[in-house]
All heavy atoms as atom14 arrays in JSON, in Angstrom:
{
  "sequence": "VLIICGGSATDLPEMTPKYAKDFNVIDSFDTHATIPQHFANVDAA",
  "atom14_mask": [
    [1, 1, 1, 1, 1, 1, 1, 0, 0, 0, 0, 0, 0, 0],
    [1, 1, 1, 1, 1, 1, 1, 1, 0, 0, 0, 0, 0, 0],
    [1, 1, 1, 1, 1, 1, 1, 1, 0, 0, 0, 0, 0, 0],
    [1, 1, 1, 1, 1, 1, 1, 1, 0, 0, 0, 0, 0, 0],
    [1, 1, 1, 1, 1, 1, 0, 0, 0, 0, 0, 0, 0, 0],
    [1, 1, 1, 1, 0, 0, 0, 0, 0, 0, 0, 0, 0, 0],
    [1, 1, 1, 1, 0, 0, 0, 0, 0, 0, 0, 0, 0, 0],
    [1, 1, 1, 1, 1, 1, 0, 0, 0, 0, 0, 0, 0, 0],
    [1, 1, 1, 1, 1, 0, 0, 0, 0, 0, 0, 0, 0, 0],
    [1, 1, 1, 1, 1, 1, 1, 0, 0, 0, 0, 0, 0, 0],
    [1, 1, 1, 1, 1, 1, 1, 1, 0, 0, 0, 0, 0, 0],
    [1, 1, 1, 1, 1, 1, 1, 1, 0, 0, 0, 0, 0, 0],
    [1, 1, 1, 1, 1, 1, 1, 0, 0, 0, 0, 0, 0, 0],
    [1, 1, 1, 1, 1, 1, 1, 1, 1, 0, 0, 0, 0, 0],
    [1, 1, 1, 1, 1, 1, 1, 1, 0, 0, 0, 0, 0, 0],
    [1, 1, 1, 1, 1, 1, 1, 0, 0, 0, 0, 0, 0, 0],
    [1, 1, 1, 1, 1, 1, 1, 0, 0, 0, 0, 0, 0, 0],
    [1, 1, 1, 1, 1, 1, 1, 1, 1, 0, 0, 0, 0, 0],
    [1, 1, 1, 1, 1, 1, 1, 1, 1, 1, 1, 1, 0, 0],
    [1, 1, 1, 1, 1, 0, 0, 0, 0, 0, 0, 0, 0, 0],
    [1, 1, 1, 1, 1, 1, 1, 1, 1, 0, 0, 0, 0, 0],
    [1, 1, 1, 1, 1, 1, 1, 1, 0, 0, 0, 0, 0, 0],
    [1, 1, 1, 1, 1, 1, 1, 1, 1, 1, 1, 0, 0, 0],
    [1, 1, 1, 1, 1, 1, 1, 1, 0, 0, 0, 0, 0, 0],
    [1, 1, 1, 1, 1, 1, 1, 0, 0, 0, 0, 0, 0, 0],
    [1, 1, 1, 1, 1, 1, 1, 1, 0, 0, 0, 0, 0, 0],
    [1, 1, 1, 1, 1, 1, 1, 1, 0, 0, 0, 0, 0, 0],
    [1, 1, 1, 1, 1, 1, 0, 0, 0, 0, 0, 0, 0, 0],
    [1, 1, 1, 1, 1, 1, 1, 1, 1, 1, 1, 0, 0, 0],
    [1, 1, 1, 1, 1, 1, 1, 1, 0, 0, 0, 0, 0, 0],
    [1, 1, 1, 1, 1, 1, 1, 0, 0, 0, 0, 0, 0, 0],
    [1, 1, 1, 1, 1, 1, 1, 1, 1, 1, 0, 0, 0, 0],
    [1, 1, 1, 1, 1, 0, 0, 0, 0, 0, 0, 0, 0, 0],
    [1, 1, 1, 1, 1, 1, 1, 0, 0, 0, 0, 0, 0, 0],
    [1, 1, 1, 1, 1, 1, 1, 1, 0, 0, 0, 0, 0, 0],
    [1, 1, 1, 1, 1, 1, 1, 0, 0, 0, 0, 0, 0, 0],
    [1, 1, 1, 1, 1, 1, 1, 1, 1, 0, 0, 0, 0, 0],
    [1, 1, 1, 1, 1, 1, 1, 1, 1, 1, 0, 0, 0, 0],
    [1, 1, 1, 1, 1, 1, 1, 1, 1, 1, 1, 0, 0, 0],
    [1, 1, 1, 1, 1, 0, 0, 0, 0, 0, 0, 0, 0, 0],
    [1, 1, 1, 1, 1, 1, 1, 1, 0, 0, 0, 0, 0, 0],
    [1, 1, 1, 1, 1, 1, 1, 0, 0, 0, 0, 0, 0, 0],
    [1, 1, 1, 1, 1, 1, 1, 1, 0, 0, 0, 0, 0, 0],
    [1, 1, 1, 1, 1, 0, 0, 0, 0, 0, 0, 0, 0, 0],
    [1, 1, 1, 1, 1, 0, 0, 0, 0, 0, 0, 0, 0, 0]
  ],
  "atom14_positions": [
    [[-6.3, -6.88, -4.85], [-5.98, -8.15, -5.43], [-6.1, -9.29, -4.36], [-5.66, -9.13, -3.25], [-4.46, -8.18, -5.91], [-3.99, -9.43, -6.45], [-4.14, -7.08, -6.81], [0.0, 0.0, 0.0], [0.0, 0.0, 0.0], [0.0, 0.0, 0.0], [0.0, 0.0, 0.0], [0.0, 0.0, 0.0], [0.0, 0.0, 0.0], [0.0, 0.0, 0.0]],
    [[-6.73, -10.29, -4.78], [-6.92, -11.51, -3.92], [-5.91, -12.55, -4.33], [-5.84, -13.02, -5.5], [-8.46, -12.03, -4.19], [-8.76, -13.27, -3.32], [-8.87, -13.03, -1.93], [-10.02, -13.83, -3.92], [0.0, 0.0, 0.0], [0.0, 0.0, 0.0], [0.0, 0.0, 0.0], [0.0, 0.0, 0.0], [0.0, 0.0, 0.0], [0.0, 0.0, 0.0]],
    [[-5.08, -12.93, -3.32], [-4.09, -13.92, -3.47], [-4.68, -15.28, -3.13], [-5.0, -15.52, -1.85], [-2.78, -13.57, -2.94], [-2.42, -12.35, -3.39], [-1.77, -14.65, -3.14], [-1.04, -11.8, -2.71], [0.0, 0.0, 0.0], [0.0, 0.0, 0.0], [0.0, 0.0, 0.0], [0.0, 0.0, 0.0], [0.0, 0.0, 0.0], [0.0, 0.0, 0.0]],
    [[-4.85, -16.2, -4.16], [-5.45, -17.56, -3.74], [-4.45, -18.52, -3.32], [-3.52, -19.0, -4.17], [-6.31, -17.92, -4.94], [-7.32, -16.8, -5.35], [-7.04, -19.33, -4.69], [-8.1, -17.32, -6.54], [0.0, 0.0, 0.0], [0.0, 0.0, 0.0], [0.0, 0.0, 0.0], [0.0, 0.0, 0.0], [0.0, 0.0, 0.0], [0.0, 0.0, 0.0]],
    [[-4.41, -18.96, -2.22], [-3.44, -19.88, -1.61], [-3.93, -21.31, -1.47], [-4.16, -21.69, -0.34], [-2.86, -19.31, -0.32], [-2.22, -17.64, -0.52], [0.0, 0.0, 0.0], [0.0, 0.0, 0.0], [0.0, 0.0, 0.0], [0.0, 0.0, 0.0], [0.0, 0.0, 0.0], [0.0, 0.0, 0.0], [0.0, 0.0, 0.0], [0.0, 0.0, 0.0]],
    [[-4.16, -21.84, -2.53], [-4.65, -23.31, -2.48], [-3.74, -24.15, -3.24], [-2.81, -23.88, -3.93], [0.0, 0.0, 0.0], [0.0, 0.0, 0.0], [0.0, 0.0, 0.0], [0.0, 0.0, 0.0], [0.0, 0.0, 0.0], [0.0, 0.0, 0.0], [0.0, 0.0, 0.0], [0.0, 0.0, 0.0], [0.0, 0.0, 0.0], [0.0, 0.0, 0.0]],
    [[-4.03, -25.49, -3.25], [-3.27, -26.52, -3.83], [-3.56, -26.63, -5.4], [-4.76, -26.43, -5.8], [0.0, 0.0, 0.0], [0.0, 0.0, 0.0], [0.0, 0.0, 0.0], [0.0, 0.0, 0.0], [0.0, 0.0, 0.0], [0.0, 0.0, 0.0], [0.0, 0.0, 0.0], [0.0, 0.0, 0.0], [0.0, 0.0, 0.0], [0.0, 0.0, 0.0]],
    [[-2.64, -26.99, -6.21], [-2.9, -27.17, -7.57], [-3.73, -28.37, -8.09], [-4.29, -28.39, -9.08], [-1.56, -27.13, -8.32], [-0.87, -25.89, -8.19], [0.0, 0.0, 0.0], [0.0, 0.0, 0.0], [0.0, 0.0, 0.0], [0.0, 0.0, 0.0], [0.0, 0.0, 0.0], [0.0, 0.0, 0.0], [0.0, 0.0, 0.0], [0.0, 0.0, 0.0]],
    [[-3.61, -29.28, -7.12], [-4.22, -30.68, -7.58], [-5.81, -30.54, -7.75], [-6.34, -30.96, -8.68], [-3.99, -31.68, -6.43], [0.0, 0.0, 0.0], [0.0, 0.0, 0.0], [0.0, 0.0, 0.0], [0.0, 0.0, 0.0], [0.0, 0.0, 0.0], [0.0, 0.0, 0.0], [0.0, 0.0, 0.0], [0.0, 0.0, 0.0], [0.0, 0.0, 0.0]],
    [[-6.42, -29.91, -6.61], [-7.85, -29.78, -6.74], [-8.39, -28.45, -6.43], [-9.45, -28.02, -6.93], [-8.53, -30.71, -5.78], [-7.93, -30.49, -4.46], [-8.21, -32.32, -6.13], [0.0, 0.0, 0.0], [0.0, 0.0, 0.0], [0.0, 0.0, 0.0], [0.0, 0.0, 0.0], [0.0, 0.0, 0.0], [0.0, 0.0, 0.0], [0.0, 0.0, 0.0]],
    [[-7.63, -27.56, -5.65], [-8.17, -26.3, -5.27], [-8.2, -25.2, -6.33], [-9.22, -24.66, -6.65], [-7.34, -25.7, -4.08], [-7.63, -26.45, -2.82], [-8.68, -27.01, -2.67], [-6.77, -26.44, -1.93], [0.0, 0.0, 0.0], [0.0, 0.0, 0.0], [0.0, 0.0, 0.0], [0.0, 0.0, 0.0], [0.0, 0.0, 0.0], [0.0, 0.0, 0.0]],
    [[-7.04, -24.98, -6.9], [-6.97, -23.84, -7.85], [-7.67, -23.96, -9.13], [-8.21, -22.99, -9.67], [-5.45, -23.6, -8.14], [-4.73, -23.12, -6.94], [-3.08, -22.93, -7.32], [-5.14, -21.92, -6.26], [0.0, 0.0, 0.0], [0.0, 0.0, 0.0], [0.0, 0.0, 0.0], [0.0, 0.0, 0.0], [0.0, 0.0, 0.0], [0.0, 0.0, 0.0]],
    [[-7.78, -25.19, -9.75], [-8.6, -25.35, -10.96], [-10.09, -24.86, -10.81], [-10.66, -24.41, -11.81], [-8.49, -26.81, -11.29], [-7.2, -27.27, -10.7], [-7.16, -26.43, -9.43], [0.0, 0.0, 0.0], [0.0, 0.0, 0.0], [0.0, 0.0, 0.0], [0.0, 0.0, 0.0], [0.0, 0.0, 0.0], [0.0, 0.0, 0.0], [0.0, 0.0, 0.0]],
    [[-10.57, -24.96, -9.67], [-11.94, -24.53, -9.37], [-11.98, -23.05, -8.73], [-12.85, -22.28, -9.18], [-12.56, -25.51, -8.26], [-12.81, -26.76, -8.86], [-13.61, -27.7, -7.89], [-14.1, -27.2, -6.87], [-13.77, -28.93, -8.17], [0.0, 0.0, 0.0], [0.0, 0.0, 0.0], [0.0, 0.0, 0.0], [0.0, 0.0, 0.0], [0.0, 0.0, 0.0]],
    [[-11.06, -22.69, -7.81], [-11.15, -21.41, -7.17], [-10.76, -20.27, -7.97], [-11.36, -19.26, -7.73], [-10.26, -21.56, -5.89], [-10.68, -22.62, -4.75], [-9.38, -23.04, -3.56], [-9.5, -21.51, -2.64], [0.0, 0.0, 0.0], [0.0, 0.0, 0.0], [0.0, 0.0, 0.0], [0.0, 0.0, 0.0], [0.0, 0.0, 0.0], [0.0, 0.0, 0.0]],
    [[-9.68, -20.42, -8.79], [-9.11, -19.22, -9.4], [-10.22, -18.71, -10.4], [-10.65, -17.58, -10.53], [-7.79, -19.51, -10.11], [-6.98, -19.99, -9.12], [-7.3, -18.27, -10.7], [0.0, 0.0, 0.0], [0.0, 0.0, 0.0], [0.0, 0.0, 0.0], [0.0, 0.0, 0.0], [0.0, 0.0, 0.0], [0.0, 0.0, 0.0], [0.0, 0.0, 0.0]],
    [[-10.92, -19.64, -11.35], [-11.96, -19.19, -12.24], [-13.06, -18.64, -11.55], [-13.76, -17.64, -11.89], [-12.15, -20.38, -13.02], [-11.1, -21.32, -12.97], [-10.48, -21.05, -11.52], [0.0, 0.0, 0.0], [0.0, 0.0, 0.0], [0.0, 0.0, 0.0], [0.0, 0.0, 0.0], [0.0, 0.0, 0.0], [0.0, 0.0, 0.0], [0.0, 0.0, 0.0]],
    [[-13.43, -19.34, -10.37], [-14.66, -18.82, -9.66], [-14.4, -17.41, -9.04], [-15.47, -16.55, -9.21], [-14.85, -19.82, -8.44], [-15.91, -19.5, -7.48], [-16.18, -20.37, -6.39], [-17.24, -20.07, -5.51], [-17.49, -20.99, -4.34], [0.0, 0.0, 0.0], [0.0, 0.0, 0.0], [0.0, 0.0, 0.0], [0.0, 0.0, 0.0], [0.0, 0.0, 0.0]],
    [[-13.35, -17.0, -8.54], [-13.12, -15.75, -7.87], [-12.57, -14.7, -8.85], [-12.66, -13.51, -8.51], [-12.24, -15.94, -6.66], [-12.93, -16.77, -5.71], [-12.35, -18.09, -5.28], [-14.1, -16.26, -4.91], [-13.07, -18.88, -4.35], [-14.58, -17.11, -3.89], [-14.14, -18.29, -3.66], [-14.79, -19.18, -2.72], [0.0, 0.0, 0.0], [0.0, 0.0, 0.0]],
    [[-12.17, -15.04, -10.03], [-11.67, -14.18, -11.04], [-12.84, -13.33, -11.58], [-12.65, -12.34, -12.19], [-10.97, -14.94, -12.12], [0.0, 0.0, 0.0], [0.0, 0.0, 0.0], [0.0, 0.0, 0.0], [0.0, 0.0, 0.0], [0.0, 0.0, 0.0], [0.0, 0.0, 0.0], [0.0, 0.0, 0.0], [0.0, 0.0, 0.0], [0.0, 0.0, 0.0]],
    [[-14.08, -13.87, -11.32], [-15.3, -13.13, -11.85], [-15.53, -11.91, -10.99], [-16.07, -10.89, -11.5], [-16.47, -14.04, -11.81], [-16.45, -15.24, -12.78], [-17.69, -16.14, -12.57], [-17.65, -17.39, -13.4], [-18.71, -18.29, -13.18], [0.0, 0.0, 0.0], [0.0, 0.0, 0.0], [0.0, 0.0, 0.0], [0.0, 0.0, 0.0], [0.0, 0.0, 0.0]],
    [[-15.1, -11.88, -9.75], [-15.47, -10.82, -8.88], [-14.23, -10.13, -8.32], [-14.45, -8.94, -7.51], [-16.24, -11.36, -7.65], [-17.62, -11.93, -8.11], [-18.53, -11.2, -8.52], [-17.72, -13.15, -8.0], [0.0, 0.0, 0.0], [0.0, 0.0, 0.0], [0.0, 0.0, 0.0], [0.0, 0.0, 0.0], [0.0, 0.0, 0.0], [0.0, 0.0, 0.0]],
    [[-13.03, -10.65, -8.43], [-11.81, -9.94, -7.94], [-10.67, -10.03, -8.97], [-10.64, -10.92, -9.86], [-11.25, -10.7, -6.69], [-12.26, -10.63, -5.45], [-13.19, -11.72, -5.39], [-12.07, -9.8, -4.5], [-14.0, -11.65, -4.25], [-12.93, -9.8, -3.45], [-13.86, -10.79, -3.21], [0.0, 0.0, 0.0], [0.0, 0.0, 0.0], [0.0, 0.0, 0.0]],
    [[-9.66, -9.19, -8.8], [-8.45, -9.36, -9.47], [-7.75, -10.4, -8.58], [-7.65, -10.32, -7.45], [-7.52, -8.06, -9.42], [-8.22, -6.92, -10.22], [-8.71, -7.13, -11.37], [-8.23, -5.77, -9.67], [0.0, 0.0, 0.0], [0.0, 0.0, 0.0], [0.0, 0.0, 0.0], [0.0, 0.0, 0.0], [0.0, 0.0, 0.0], [0.0, 0.0, 0.0]],
    [[-7.3, -11.5, -9.2], [-6.75, -12.7, -8.49], [-5.3, -13.03, -8.98], [-4.87, -12.57, -10.18], [-7.66, -13.96, -8.72], [-9.07, -13.62, -8.12], [-7.71, -14.34, -10.08], [0.0, 0.0, 0.0], [0.0, 0.0, 0.0], [0.0, 0.0, 0.0], [0.0, 0.0, 0.0], [0.0, 0.0, 0.0], [0.0, 0.0, 0.0], [0.0, 0.0, 0.0]],
    [[-4.66, -13.73, -8.18], [-3.31, -14.35, -8.55], [-3.23, -15.58, -7.8], [-3.71, -15.91, -6.62], [-2.32, -13.26, -8.15], [-0.79, -13.75, -8.63], [-2.19, -12.97, -6.65], [0.14, -12.75, -8.51], [0.0, 0.0, 0.0], [0.0, 0.0, 0.0], [0.0, 0.0, 0.0], [0.0, 0.0, 0.0], [0.0, 0.0, 0.0], [0.0, 0.0, 0.0]],
    [[-2.61, -16.6, -8.59], [-2.33, -17.93, -7.96], [-1.04, -18.47, -8.34], [-0.23, -17.84, -9.12], [-3.48, -18.9, -8.32], [-3.45, -19.51, -9.77], [-2.28, -19.37, -10.36], [-4.44, -20.05, -10.25], [0.0, 0.0, 0.0], [0.0, 0.0, 0.0], [0.0, 0.0, 0.0], [0.0, 0.0, 0.0], [0.0, 0.0, 0.0], [0.0, 0.0, 0.0]],
    [[-0.68, -19.62, -7.81], [0.62, -20.28, -7.94], [0.5, -21.61, -8.57], [1.16, -22.58, -8.26], [1.41, -20.3, -6.72], [0.64, -21.05, -5.65], [0.0, 0.0, 0.0], [0.0, 0.0, 0.0], [0.0, 0.0, 0.0], [0.0, 0.0, 0.0], [0.0, 0.0, 0.0], [0.0, 0.0, 0.0], [0.0, 0.0, 0.0], [0.0, 0.0, 0.0]],
    [[-0.56, -21.78, -9.4], [-0.88, -23.0, -10.08], [0.48, -23.6, -10.82], [0.98, -23.06, -11.65], [-1.93, -22.93, -11.24], [-2.37, -24.07, -11.82], [-3.37, -25.06, -11.16], [-2.04, -24.5, -13.02], [-3.69, -26.15, -11.73], [-2.38, -25.69, -13.69], [-3.28, -26.48, -12.97], [0.0, 0.0, 0.0], [0.0, 0.0, 0.0], [0.0, 0.0, 0.0]],
    [[0.82, -24.91, -10.34], [2.1, -25.33, -10.85], [2.02, -26.75, -11.47], [3.04, -27.39, -11.62], [3.09, -25.41, -9.64], [2.72, -26.46, -8.54], [1.64, -27.04, -8.74], [3.5, -26.53, -7.56], [0.0, 0.0, 0.0], [0.0, 0.0, 0.0], [0.0, 0.0, 0.0], [0.0, 0.0, 0.0], [0.0, 0.0, 0.0], [0.0, 0.0, 0.0]],
    [[0.78, -27.14, -12.0], [0.82, -28.34, -12.76], [1.13, -28.04, -14.25], [0.18, -27.69, -15.0], [-0.58, -28.99, -12.67], [-0.85, -29.24, -11.31], [-0.51, -30.41, -13.26], [0.0, 0.0, 0.0], [0.0, 0.0, 0.0], [0.0, 0.0, 0.0], [0.0, 0.0, 0.0], [0.0, 0.0, 0.0], [0.0, 0.0, 0.0], [0.0, 0.0, 0.0]],
    [[2.33, -28.17, -14.58], [2.78, -27.62, -15.95], [1.94, -28.28, -17.14], [1.65, -27.4, -18.03], [4.22, -27.98, -16.22], [5.1, -27.22, -15.17], [5.74, -26.08, -15.67], [5.64, -27.39, -14.0], [6.55, -25.64, -14.73], [6.61, -26.44, -13.74], [0.0, 0.0, 0.0], [0.0, 0.0, 0.0], [0.0, 0.0, 0.0], [0.0, 0.0, 0.0]],
    [[1.69, -29.42, -17.07], [0.87, -30.1, -18.11], [-0.45, -29.45, -18.3], [-1.01, -29.6, -19.58], [0.68, -31.62, -17.92], [0.0, 0.0, 0.0], [0.0, 0.0, 0.0], [0.0, 0.0, 0.0], [0.0, 0.0, 0.0], [0.0, 0.0, 0.0], [0.0, 0.0, 0.0], [0.0, 0.0, 0.0], [0.0, 0.0, 0.0], [0.0, 0.0, 0.0]],
    [[-1.11, -28.9, -17.44], [-2.46, -28.43, -17.55], [-2.59, -26.86, -17.4], [-3.64, -26.36, -17.36], [-3.4, -29.04, -16.54], [-2.93, -28.84, -15.27], [-3.53, -30.59, -16.89], [0.0, 0.0, 0.0], [0.0, 0.0, 0.0], [0.0, 0.0, 0.0], [0.0, 0.0, 0.0], [0.0, 0.0, 0.0], [0.0, 0.0, 0.0], [0.0, 0.0, 0.0]],
    [[-1.44, -26.13, -17.55], [-1.39, -24.75, -17.49], [-2.34, -24.1, -18.71], [-3.1, -23.22, -18.41], [-0.07, -24.12, -17.38], [0.61, -24.31, -16.13], [-0.06, -22.7, -17.96], [2.01, -23.94, -15.98], [0.0, 0.0, 0.0], [0.0, 0.0, 0.0], [0.0, 0.0, 0.0], [0.0, 0.0, 0.0], [0.0, 0.0, 0.0], [0.0, 0.0, 0.0]],
    [[-2.18, -24.59, -20.04], [-3.06, -24.03, -21.01], [-4.5, -24.22, -20.65], [-5.24, -23.07, -20.93], [-2.66, -24.96, -22.13], [-1.24, -25.31, -21.94], [-1.22, -25.68, -20.42], [0.0, 0.0, 0.0], [0.0, 0.0, 0.0], [0.0, 0.0, 0.0], [0.0, 0.0, 0.0], [0.0, 0.0, 0.0], [0.0, 0.0, 0.0], [0.0, 0.0, 0.0]],
    [[-4.95, -25.28, -20.17], [-6.31, -25.47, -19.79], [-6.69, -24.53, -18.74], [-7.79, -23.83, -18.78], [-6.71, -26.85, -19.45], [-8.04, -27.15, -19.02], [-8.14, -28.58, -18.54], [-7.51, -29.47, -18.91], [-9.3, -28.8, -17.73], [0.0, 0.0, 0.0], [0.0, 0.0, 0.0], [0.0, 0.0, 0.0], [0.0, 0.0, 0.0], [0.0, 0.0, 0.0]],
    [[-6.02, -24.43, -17.59], [-6.24, -23.49, -16.52], [-6.25, -22.0, -17.07], [-7.13, -21.23, -16.64], [-5.17, -23.65, -15.45], [-5.39, -22.97, -14.22], [-6.57, -23.12, -13.49], [-4.58, -22.03, -13.45], [-6.46, -22.21, -12.38], [-5.23, -21.63, -12.41], [0.0, 0.0, 0.0], [0.0, 0.0, 0.0], [0.0, 0.0, 0.0], [0.0, 0.0, 0.0]],
    [[-5.3, -21.7, -17.9], [-5.26, -20.35, -18.46], [-6.5, -20.09, -19.13], [-7.16, -18.85, -18.94], [-4.19, -20.2, -19.46], [-4.01, -18.87, -20.02], [-3.19, -17.86, -19.46], [-4.72, -18.44, -21.08], [-3.13, -16.6, -19.98], [-4.62, -17.19, -21.68], [-3.78, -16.25, -21.14], [0.0, 0.0, 0.0], [0.0, 0.0, 0.0], [0.0, 0.0, 0.0]],
    [[-7.04, -20.88, -20.03], [-8.32, -20.57, -20.67], [-9.43, -20.52, -19.89], [-10.3, -19.65, -20.09], [-8.55, -21.76, -21.72], [0.0, 0.0, 0.0], [0.0, 0.0, 0.0], [0.0, 0.0, 0.0], [0.0, 0.0, 0.0], [0.0, 0.0, 0.0], [0.0, 0.0, 0.0], [0.0, 0.0, 0.0], [0.0, 0.0, 0.0], [0.0, 0.0, 0.0]],
    [[-9.67, -21.28, -18.77], [-10.72, -21.27, -17.86], [-10.71, -19.92, -17.09], [-11.74, -19.21, -16.96], [-10.76, -22.41, -16.82], [-10.89, -23.75, -17.53], [-11.44, -23.74, -18.64], [-10.54, -24.9, -16.91], [0.0, 0.0, 0.0], [0.0, 0.0, 0.0], [0.0, 0.0, 0.0], [0.0, 0.0, 0.0], [0.0, 0.0, 0.0], [0.0, 0.0, 0.0]],
    [[-9.49, -19.55, -16.54], [-9.34, -18.33, -15.9], [-9.46, -17.07, -16.61], [-10.27, -16.1, -16.3], [-8.06, -18.27, -15.16], [-7.81, -17.0, -14.44], [-7.88, -19.44, -14.09], [0.0, 0.0, 0.0], [0.0, 0.0, 0.0], [0.0, 0.0, 0.0], [0.0, 0.0, 0.0], [0.0, 0.0, 0.0], [0.0, 0.0, 0.0], [0.0, 0.0, 0.0]],
    [[-9.15, -17.09, -17.95], [-9.15, -15.91, -18.93], [-10.65, -15.64, -19.22], [-11.1, -14.57, -19.19], [-8.43, -16.32, -20.24], [-8.25, -15.16, -21.21], [-7.86, -14.05, -20.68], [-8.73, -15.27, -22.34], [0.0, 0.0, 0.0], [0.0, 0.0, 0.0], [0.0, 0.0, 0.0], [0.0, 0.0, 0.0], [0.0, 0.0, 0.0], [0.0, 0.0, 0.0]],
    [[-11.34, -16.69, -19.54], [-12.88, -16.55, -19.76], [-13.58, -15.92, -18.41], [-14.38, -14.99, -18.61], [-13.44, -17.87, -20.07], [0.0, 0.0, 0.0], [0.0, 0.0, 0.0], [0.0, 0.0, 0.0], [0.0, 0.0, 0.0], [0.0, 0.0, 0.0], [0.0, 0.0, 0.0], [0.0, 0.0, 0.0], [0.0, 0.0, 0.0], [0.0, 0.0, 0.0]],
    [[-13.22, -16.34, -17.22], [-13.84, -15.72, -16.01], [-13.48, -14.38, -15.82], [-14.4, -13.55, -15.47], [-13.53, -16.66, -14.82], [0.0, 0.0, 0.0], [0.0, 0.0, 0.0], [0.0, 0.0, 0.0], [0.0, 0.0, 0.0], [0.0, 0.0, 0.0], [0.0, 0.0, 0.0], [0.0, 0.0, 0.0], [0.0, 0.0, 0.0], [0.0, 0.0, 0.0]]
  ]
}
C-alpha cells in the first residue's frame, strides 16, 4: 500500500489517480466540496 502524503489543494487531485494505476493507494484528501469528483477520478484509475 502506497500512502500518498500530499496537500489537497493541488497535489492529491493529480497524484492519487496517477499512482492508483500502479499501486494500492490511500490519501487524506479533505476538500469536502470536491470529494465526489476526486472519487470518480481515482475510481476510474
